[in-house]
Amino acid sequence: MVSDHLIQDSVKPSQSSNDEEVLVKADHVSKKFCRSLKKALWYGVQDIGSEMVGRKYERQLRPDEFWAVNDISFEVKRGECLGLIGPNGAGKSTLLRMLNGLIKPDKGSIMMRGRVSALIELMAGFNPILTGLENIYNRAAILGLSKADVNRKLDDIVEFAEIGDFLYMPVQNYSSGMKVRLGFAVAAQMEPDVLILDEVLAVGDVGFRAKCFNQIHQMMQKSAVIFVSHSIPQISRVCTDLMVMDHGKSVFQGKEVARGIDHYYSYFQGEEGIVAGSGGAEVHWFQLSTQDKKDIEAVNYLDQLFVDMEVTVDPEIVNFSVSITILSRELQPIAEYNSFLQGETIENSGERIPLNIDLGKVVLSPGVYPLTIVIRAYGFGEFLIRYNNFRKIKVFGDYYSNFPLSIPGFLRVVS
């Protein structure tokens, strides 16, 4: 039955009609698996038998079965990039396998129009005893490129892969980075209508990833892209639309990518608080405040934020400095207050020292941000204590941004 299979249209779609611009369409797609191998084999035999006699086999769950993908629908048009994210076991890989035609859905249908290229394992298909040049032709053939196409694109492939001096060397002597560059270089020259990317940018050096992003942006102008990654900054950079999956279902779907990312982060508690350092200092009391609220855990965008704390420092330390670092949910530092860099000197009395720090207006985009506190001997001296993930602060706002910091600038129209 047509509704039970992936529909592949090999004719390149016209750009004259808005309907024809939809290159990928999933319509109420579901896929179930069985936890028991014996039952799975028996159910498979039953399903094949039902299909052979023209009967529609049972689509409801049987004992030990579960929905790996459950009622997923979406469309991707030319020039759009749909990001798929979710916790492990959410059903992303199963959905990709259906999109790539490796397995068929148990319910619903998938329509793919034009040439499809799936970059899932860049190094798959390489023969280690063949040279890089020979593997280019072999890999291109797997992806559907003719020898004439490869001859025409060979210089571009070699230049992108940056393996000119090693083109005639067996691939088994390549570094892992060289193999990845070669795999992406070949696949990127296929000029697909639909491009499926699964964690392909998780490896390689910074320069290679930058080249890949540039290439993907160029390909997106003519393609519909489906991008799966656990790197949220990459998702934020590339995607125009986002779907968050959990236990096979879509729990968020839309063009508000930043809001979907915030929903995704809600599944994780983040790093536990860790205390490190020499032990020469201690934070006895700590609170966050605004102008009119004390001991808060959440603030609004552009609120004035204050930190109050009481600390003691080893009497042998004459002067010390305090820094507060704001981290992203990826635990990347995005902003810091440092008393030493501000030219402020804190003299040690040997007793409890109350401190009040004005962090200024909150220019963080809506989300949750862990805080780290560090007390050091004055300047960049010994770490007396470091509280990783000491506290979290939630920021509210009217919109979600793809960027952690939002600059409250002023615009003037100059006549």
Protein backbone atom coordinates (compact mmCIF):
# COMPACT_ATOMS: atom_id res chain seq x y z
CA MET A 1 0.00 0.00 0.00
CA VAL A 2 1.34 3.44 -0.88
CA SER A 3 0.66 4.91 2.55
CA ASP A 4 2.88 2.30 4.18
CA HIS A 5 6.01 3.03 2.19
CA LEU A 6 8.52 5.76 1.59
CA ILE A 7 7.65 7.49 -1.68
CA GLN A 8 10.70 8.55 -3.69
CA ASP A 9 10.22 10.94 -6.60
CA SER A 10 13.33 10.89 -8.77
CA VAL A 11 12.23 13.87 -10.84
CA LYS A 12 13.73 17.17 -9.72
CA PRO A 13 10.92 19.41 -8.41
CA SER A 14 10.04 22.64 -10.10
CA GLN A 15 10.41 25.87 -8.14
CA SER A 16 7.37 27.48 -9.74
CA SER A 17 4.81 26.14 -7.27
CA ASN A 18 4.84 26.57 -3.52
CA ASP A 19 3.38 23.06 -3.04
CA GLU A 20 6.16 21.57 -5.14
CA GLU A 21 8.75 23.27 -2.95
CA VAL A 22 7.96 20.73 -0.18
CA LEU A 23 10.76 18.21 -0.69
CA VAL A 24 10.23 16.16 2.47
CA LYS A 25 6.85 15.35 4.00
CA ALA A 26 6.18 12.97 6.87
CA ASP A 27 2.50 12.31 7.47
CA HIS A 28 1.59 10.73 10.85
CA VAL A 29 4.60 8.41 10.72
CA SER A 30 4.97 5.69 13.35
CA LYS A 31 7.36 2.76 13.80
CA LYS A 32 7.22 0.04 16.42
CA PHE A 33 9.82 -2.45 17.63
CA CYS A 34 9.71 -5.49 19.89
CA ARG A 35 11.86 -5.95 22.98
CA SER A 36 11.89 -9.75 22.62
CA LEU A 37 13.94 -11.17 19.71
CA LYS A 38 11.86 -14.38 19.46
CA LYS A 39 8.59 -12.49 19.42
CA ALA A 40 10.02 -9.98 16.95
CA LEU A 41 10.88 -12.79 14.52
CA TRP A 42 7.45 -14.35 14.91
CA TYR A 43 5.67 -11.01 14.47
CA GLY A 44 7.80 -10.41 11.36
CA VAL A 45 6.70 -13.72 9.85
CA GLN A 46 3.06 -12.86 10.61
CA ASP A 47 3.39 -9.42 9.02
CA ILE A 48 5.05 -10.77 5.88
CA GLY A 49 2.37 -13.43 5.55
CA SER A 50 -0.39 -10.85 5.92
CA GLU A 51 1.17 -8.68 3.21
CA MET A 52 1.56 -11.63 0.82
CA VAL A 53 -2.14 -12.45 1.01
CA GLY A 54 -3.07 -8.77 0.67
CA ARG A 55 -4.29 -8.27 4.18
CA LYS A 56 -3.40 -5.30 6.31
CA TYR A 57 -1.37 -6.60 9.21
CA GLU A 58 -2.00 -5.57 12.81
CA ARG A 59 -0.87 -2.02 13.50
CA GLN A 60 -1.61 -1.88 17.23
CA LEU A 61 0.96 -2.83 19.82
CA ARG A 62 1.32 -6.51 20.61
CA PRO A 63 3.00 -7.94 23.74
CA ASP A 64 6.57 -6.56 24.23
CA GLU A 65 6.17 -4.03 21.40
CA PHE A 66 6.65 -0.27 21.78
CA TRP A 67 6.48 2.79 19.55
CA ALA A 68 10.01 3.97 18.70
CA VAL A 69 8.44 6.75 16.59
CA ASN A 70 4.86 7.73 17.33
CA ASP A 71 2.69 9.91 15.04
CA ILE A 72 5.34 12.28 13.66
CA SER A 73 4.37 14.81 10.96
CA PHE A 74 6.41 17.59 9.37
CA GLU A 75 7.33 19.26 6.09
CA VAL A 76 10.66 20.63 4.90
CA LYS A 77 10.86 22.97 1.92
CA ARG A 78 13.76 23.90 -0.27
CA GLY A 79 15.99 26.36 1.58
CA GLU A 80 14.82 25.17 5.03
CA CYS A 81 16.76 23.18 7.62
CA LEU A 82 14.88 21.08 10.19
CA GLY A 83 16.85 20.26 13.32
CA LEU A 84 16.05 17.05 15.19
CA ILE A 85 17.14 16.94 18.83
CA GLY A 86 16.13 15.01 21.91
CA PRO A 87 17.51 12.81 24.69
CA ASN A 88 19.08 9.46 23.89
CA GLY A 89 16.38 6.97 22.92
CA ALA A 90 14.02 9.70 21.70
CA GLY A 91 13.56 8.04 18.27
CA LYS A 92 15.76 10.31 16.13
CA SER A 93 17.84 7.50 14.60
CA THR A 94 14.76 5.44 13.81
CA LEU A 95 13.15 8.41 12.09
CA LEU A 96 16.32 9.01 10.04
CA ARG A 97 16.40 5.38 8.95
CA MET A 98 12.84 5.71 7.68
CA LEU A 99 13.64 8.98 5.91
CA ASN A 100 16.64 7.31 4.28
CA GLY A 101 14.51 4.37 3.11
CA LEU A 102 16.28 1.74 5.22
CA ILE A 103 13.09 0.74 7.03
CA LYS A 104 9.45 1.51 6.30
CA PRO A 105 6.93 3.01 8.71
CA ASP A 106 4.21 0.91 10.32
CA LYS A 107 1.80 3.84 10.03
CA GLY A 108 1.72 6.93 7.88
CA SER A 109 3.80 7.86 4.85
CA ILE A 110 7.03 9.65 3.94
CA MET A 111 7.47 11.58 0.70
CA MET A 112 10.97 12.50 -0.53
CA ARG A 113 11.29 14.42 -3.79
CA GLY A 114 14.45 14.69 -5.87
CA ARG A 115 17.93 13.35 -5.20
CA VAL A 116 18.57 12.38 -1.57
CA SER A 117 22.00 12.41 0.09
CA ALA A 118 22.46 11.08 3.61
CA LEU A 119 25.69 12.01 5.39
CA ILE A 120 25.45 9.70 8.36
CA GLU A 121 28.85 7.99 8.50
CA LEU A 122 31.41 9.91 6.50
CA MET A 123 34.08 7.20 6.56
CA ALA A 124 31.76 4.32 5.67
CA GLY A 125 32.51 2.60 2.37
CA PHE A 126 36.22 3.44 2.24
CA ASN A 127 38.50 0.56 1.21
CA PRO A 128 41.65 0.94 3.32
CA ILE A 129 44.00 -0.64 0.75
CA LEU A 130 42.85 1.62 -2.09
CA THR A 131 44.24 5.10 -2.65
CA GLY A 132 42.33 8.26 -1.90
CA LEU A 133 41.68 8.78 -5.60
CA GLU A 134 40.29 5.25 -6.04
CA ASN A 135 38.08 5.67 -2.99
CA ILE A 136 36.73 8.95 -4.39
CA TYR A 137 35.41 7.11 -7.46
CA ASN A 138 34.08 4.20 -5.37
CA ARG A 139 32.35 6.43 -2.83
CA ALA A 140 30.89 8.64 -5.57
CA ALA A 141 29.42 5.58 -7.28
CA ILE A 142 27.72 4.58 -4.01
CA LEU A 143 26.21 8.07 -3.79
CA GLY A 144 24.94 7.91 -7.37
CA LEU A 145 27.54 9.99 -9.21
CA SER A 146 28.80 8.80 -12.60
CA LYS A 147 32.48 8.66 -13.52
CA ALA A 148 31.97 11.67 -15.79
CA ASP A 149 30.49 13.61 -12.87
CA VAL A 150 33.49 12.73 -10.70
CA ASN A 151 35.94 13.75 -13.43
CA ARG A 152 34.22 17.12 -13.62
CA LYS A 153 34.22 17.63 -9.84
CA LEU A 154 37.52 15.94 -8.96
CA ASP A 155 39.52 19.13 -8.53
CA ASP A 156 36.89 20.60 -6.21
CA ILE A 157 36.77 17.40 -4.16
CA VAL A 158 40.54 17.24 -3.73
CA GLU A 159 40.77 20.95 -2.92
CA PHE A 160 38.00 20.76 -0.30
CA ALA A 161 39.46 17.62 1.31
CA GLU A 162 42.96 19.15 1.44
CA ILE A 163 44.65 15.82 0.64
CA GLY A 164 46.47 16.80 -2.54
CA ASP A 165 49.83 15.43 -1.37
CA PHE A 166 48.22 12.17 -0.23
CA LEU A 167 45.81 11.53 -3.11
CA TYR A 168 47.70 8.46 -4.31
CA MET A 169 48.38 7.04 -0.84
CA PRO A 170 46.30 4.11 0.57
CA VAL A 171 43.53 5.39 2.83
CA GLN A 172 44.71 3.08 5.64
CA ASN A 173 47.61 5.50 6.08
CA TYR A 174 45.31 8.52 6.43
CA SER A 175 44.61 10.14 9.77
CA SER A 176 41.00 10.03 10.97
CA GLY A 177 40.67 13.75 10.16
CA MET A 178 41.83 13.19 6.58
CA LYS A 179 39.28 10.40 6.10
CA VAL A 180 36.48 12.61 7.41
CA ARG A 181 37.48 15.48 5.12
CA LEU A 182 37.55 13.15 2.13
CA GLY A 183 34.15 11.64 2.94
CA PHE A 184 32.46 15.00 3.32
CA ALA A 185 34.15 16.42 0.23
CA VAL A 186 32.75 13.63 -1.96
CA ALA A 187 29.24 13.71 -0.48
CA ALA A 188 29.01 17.52 -0.67
CA GLN A 189 29.52 17.43 -4.45
CA MET A 190 26.38 15.37 -5.03
CA GLU A 191 24.18 18.51 -5.20
CA PRO A 192 21.18 16.82 -3.55
CA ASP A 193 17.62 18.10 -3.27
CA VAL A 194 17.35 16.54 0.20
CA LEU A 195 20.36 16.46 2.52
CA ILE A 196 20.30 14.36 5.73
CA LEU A 197 23.06 15.10 8.25
CA ASP A 198 23.56 12.97 11.34
CA GLU A 199 26.33 14.13 13.70
CA VAL A 200 28.72 14.55 10.77
CA LEU A 201 30.24 17.72 12.25
CA ALA A 202 31.11 16.13 15.59
CA VAL A 203 34.65 15.41 14.38
CA GLY A 204 37.37 17.31 12.60
CA ASP A 205 39.30 20.43 13.50
CA VAL A 206 37.92 23.96 13.73
CA GLY A 207 38.97 24.86 10.19
CA PHE A 208 37.26 21.80 8.72
CA ARG A 209 34.01 22.43 10.62
CA ALA A 210 33.99 26.04 9.39
CA LYS A 211 34.36 24.84 5.79
CA CYS A 212 31.57 22.31 6.33
CA PHE A 213 29.22 24.98 7.68
CA ASN A 214 29.94 27.21 4.71
CA GLN A 215 29.29 24.30 2.36
CA ILE A 216 26.06 23.37 4.13
CA HIS A 217 24.79 26.96 3.90
CA GLN A 218 25.50 26.94 0.17
CA MET A 219 23.73 23.58 -0.26
CA MET A 220 20.73 24.80 1.75
CA GLN A 221 19.96 27.37 -0.95
CA LYS A 222 18.98 24.53 -3.26
CA SER A 223 18.16 21.75 -0.80
CA ALA A 224 15.91 20.77 2.07
CA VAL A 225 18.13 19.81 5.01
CA ILE A 226 17.44 17.56 8.00
CA PHE A 227 20.12 18.00 10.65
CA VAL A 228 20.57 15.79 13.73
CA SER A 229 23.17 16.78 16.30
CA HIS A 230 23.84 16.80 20.03
CA SER A 231 25.78 20.03 19.56
CA ILE A 232 23.18 22.67 20.36
CA PRO A 233 25.33 25.59 19.14
CA GLN A 234 25.48 23.87 15.73
CA ILE A 235 21.69 23.39 15.74
CA SER A 236 21.21 27.05 16.66
CA ARG A 237 23.56 28.16 13.88
CA VAL A 238 22.14 26.08 11.02
CA CYS A 239 18.45 25.33 11.58
CA THR A 240 15.42 27.34 10.49
CA ASP A 241 12.97 24.92 12.17
CA LEU A 242 13.26 22.57 15.13
CA MET A 243 11.64 19.38 16.38
CA VAL A 244 12.32 18.08 19.88
CA MET A 245 11.58 14.37 20.27
CA ASP A 246 11.10 12.35 23.45
CA HIS A 247 10.07 8.69 23.65
CA GLY A 248 9.15 8.67 19.97
CA LYS A 249 6.86 11.71 20.10
CA SER A 250 7.27 15.30 19.03
CA VAL A 251 7.14 17.45 22.18
CA PHE A 252 8.09 20.71 20.44
CA GLN A 253 7.88 21.73 16.81
CA GLY A 254 8.18 25.09 15.12
CA LYS A 255 10.37 27.93 13.89
CA GLU A 256 11.19 29.29 17.35
CA VAL A 257 14.46 27.39 17.47
CA ALA A 258 15.70 29.02 20.68
CA ARG A 259 12.46 28.19 22.52
CA GLY A 260 12.73 24.57 21.40
CA ILE A 261 16.35 24.43 22.59
CA ASP A 262 15.27 25.72 26.01
CA HIS A 263 12.63 22.95 26.12
CA TYR A 264 15.33 20.40 25.23
CA TYR A 265 17.55 21.61 28.07
CA SER A 266 14.71 21.05 30.54
CA TYR A 267 15.41 17.30 30.29
CA PHE A 268 18.83 17.69 31.88
CA GLN A 269 19.81 18.80 35.36
CA GLY A 270 23.31 19.77 34.28
CA GLU A 271 26.58 19.44 36.16
CA GLU A 272 26.41 18.83 39.89
CA GLY A 273 27.99 21.42 42.15
CA ILE A 274 31.70 20.70 42.63
CA VAL A 275 34.05 22.38 45.10
CA ALA A 276 37.77 22.59 44.28
CA GLY A 277 40.81 24.64 45.25
CA SER A 278 43.26 24.72 48.16
CA GLY A 279 40.55 25.32 50.79
CA GLY A 280 41.94 28.69 51.75
CA ALA A 281 38.54 30.38 51.46
CA GLU A 282 34.90 29.67 52.18
CA VAL A 283 31.58 31.17 51.09
CA HIS A 284 29.24 31.17 54.11
CA TRP A 285 26.24 32.94 52.62
CA PHE A 286 25.12 33.87 49.11
CA GLN A 287 22.05 35.39 47.49
CA LEU A 288 20.94 36.99 44.23
CA SER A 289 18.79 40.11 44.30
CA THR A 290 17.27 42.83 42.13
CA GLN A 291 16.38 46.38 43.15
CA ASP A 292 13.13 45.26 44.80
CA LYS A 293 13.47 41.51 45.41
CA LYS A 294 15.84 39.55 47.64
CA ASP A 295 17.07 35.95 47.49
CA ILE A 296 15.76 35.24 44.00
CA GLU A 297 16.25 32.38 41.55
CA ALA A 298 14.84 34.14 38.48
CA VAL A 299 15.12 37.58 36.91
CA ASN A 300 13.64 39.43 33.96
CA TYR A 301 15.64 40.63 30.98
CA LEU A 302 17.24 44.04 31.76
CA ASP A 303 16.68 43.70 35.52
CA GLN A 304 19.56 45.04 37.64
CA LEU A 305 21.22 42.00 39.26
CA PHE A 306 23.14 42.05 42.56
CA VAL A 307 25.16 39.38 44.35
CA ASP A 308 25.52 39.42 48.14
CA MET A 309 27.82 37.01 49.93
CA GLU A 310 29.89 36.55 53.07
CA VAL A 311 33.33 34.95 52.79
CA THR A 312 36.31 34.12 54.96
CA VAL A 313 39.84 33.82 53.63
CA ASP A 314 42.99 32.31 55.17
CA PRO A 315 44.56 35.04 57.38
CA GLU A 316 47.90 34.56 55.61
CA ILE A 317 46.32 35.93 52.42
CA VAL A 318 46.58 39.73 52.52
CA ASN A 319 44.47 40.55 49.47
CA PHE A 320 42.20 38.41 47.35
CA SER A 321 39.95 38.63 44.32
CA VAL A 322 36.49 37.27 43.49
CA SER A 323 35.11 36.26 40.11
CA ILE A 324 31.63 35.15 39.08
CA THR A 325 31.33 33.30 35.78
CA ILE A 326 28.04 32.83 33.93
CA LEU A 327 27.89 29.62 31.91
CA SER A 328 25.65 28.47 29.09
CA ARG A 329 23.68 25.24 29.41
CA GLU A 330 26.51 23.71 27.37
CA LEU A 331 28.73 24.74 30.33
CA GLN A 332 30.64 27.18 28.14
CA PRO A 333 31.69 30.46 29.82
CA ILE A 334 29.80 33.38 28.28
CA ALA A 335 30.37 36.25 30.75
CA GLU A 336 32.47 37.02 33.81
CA TYR A 337 32.79 39.57 36.57
CA ASN A 338 36.33 39.69 38.00
CA SER A 339 37.17 42.09 40.82
CA PHE A 340 40.89 42.12 39.93
CA LEU A 341 40.23 43.03 36.29
CA GLN A 342 37.92 45.80 37.54
CA GLY A 343 40.85 47.24 39.53
CA GLU A 344 39.19 46.47 42.86
CA THR A 345 41.28 45.36 45.87
CA ILE A 346 39.70 43.30 48.67
CA GLU A 347 41.69 43.43 51.91
CA ASN A 348 41.48 40.38 54.14
CA SER A 349 40.44 41.11 57.72
CA GLY A 350 40.58 37.46 58.76
CA GLU A 351 36.90 37.68 59.75
CA ARG A 352 33.72 37.19 57.76
CA ILE A 353 33.73 39.74 54.95
CA PRO A 354 30.39 40.85 53.48
CA LEU A 355 30.53 41.59 49.75
CA ASN A 356 28.01 43.23 47.46
CA ILE A 357 28.55 43.01 43.69
CA ASP A 358 26.50 44.93 41.13
CA LEU A 359 26.47 42.83 37.95
CA GLY A 360 24.55 45.49 36.03
CA LYS A 361 21.55 44.93 33.81
CA VAL A 362 20.82 41.35 32.75
CA VAL A 363 21.33 41.09 29.00
CA LEU A 364 21.04 37.31 28.88
CA SER A 365 18.48 35.74 26.60
CA PRO A 366 15.70 33.73 28.30
CA GLY A 367 17.00 30.46 29.71
CA VAL A 368 18.76 28.92 32.69
CA TYR A 369 22.40 29.78 33.40
CA PRO A 370 24.72 28.08 35.93
CA LEU A 371 27.03 30.31 38.00
CA THR A 372 30.57 29.54 39.13
CA ILE A 373 32.33 31.43 41.95
CA VAL A 374 36.11 31.60 42.28
CA ILE A 375 38.14 33.17 45.08
CA ARG A 376 41.86 33.57 44.42
CA ALA A 377 44.85 35.16 46.03
CA TYR A 378 45.06 38.69 44.62
CA GLY A 379 45.52 38.85 40.88
CA PHE A 380 45.79 35.48 39.24
CA GLY A 381 47.27 33.78 42.26
CA GLU A 382 46.42 30.52 44.00
CA PHE A 383 42.88 29.14 43.69
CA LEU A 384 41.62 29.36 47.27
CA ILE A 385 38.24 27.89 46.36
CA ARG A 386 36.19 27.27 43.25
CA TYR A 387 32.46 26.49 43.36
CA ASN A 388 31.47 25.00 39.99
CA ASN A 389 27.75 25.23 39.23
CA PHE A 390 27.26 26.96 42.57
CA ARG A 391 23.82 28.32 41.68
CA LYS A 392 21.51 28.60 38.66
CA ILE A 393 19.68 31.73 37.58
CA LYS A 394 16.67 31.66 35.27
CA VAL A 395 16.11 34.60 32.94
CA PHE A 396 12.63 35.48 31.65
CA GLY A 397 11.89 37.60 28.60
CA ASP A 398 9.39 38.26 25.85
CA TYR A 399 11.35 36.33 23.22
CA TYR A 400 13.92 33.60 22.82
CA SER A 401 17.17 34.27 20.98
CA ASN A 402 19.66 31.93 19.34
CA PHE A 403 22.39 33.82 21.21
CA PRO A 404 23.03 33.81 24.96
CA LEU A 405 23.79 37.54 25.13
CA SER A 406 21.53 40.23 23.68
CA ILE A 407 23.02 43.71 23.31
CA PRO A 408 20.51 46.48 24.20
CA GLY A 409 21.78 48.90 21.57
CA PHE A 410 20.12 51.98 20.11
CA LEU A 411 19.12 52.48 16.49
CA ARG A 412 18.95 55.86 14.81
CA VAL A 413 17.81 56.49 11.27
CA VAL A 414 20.26 58.97 9.80
CA SER A 415 18.75 61.19 7.13
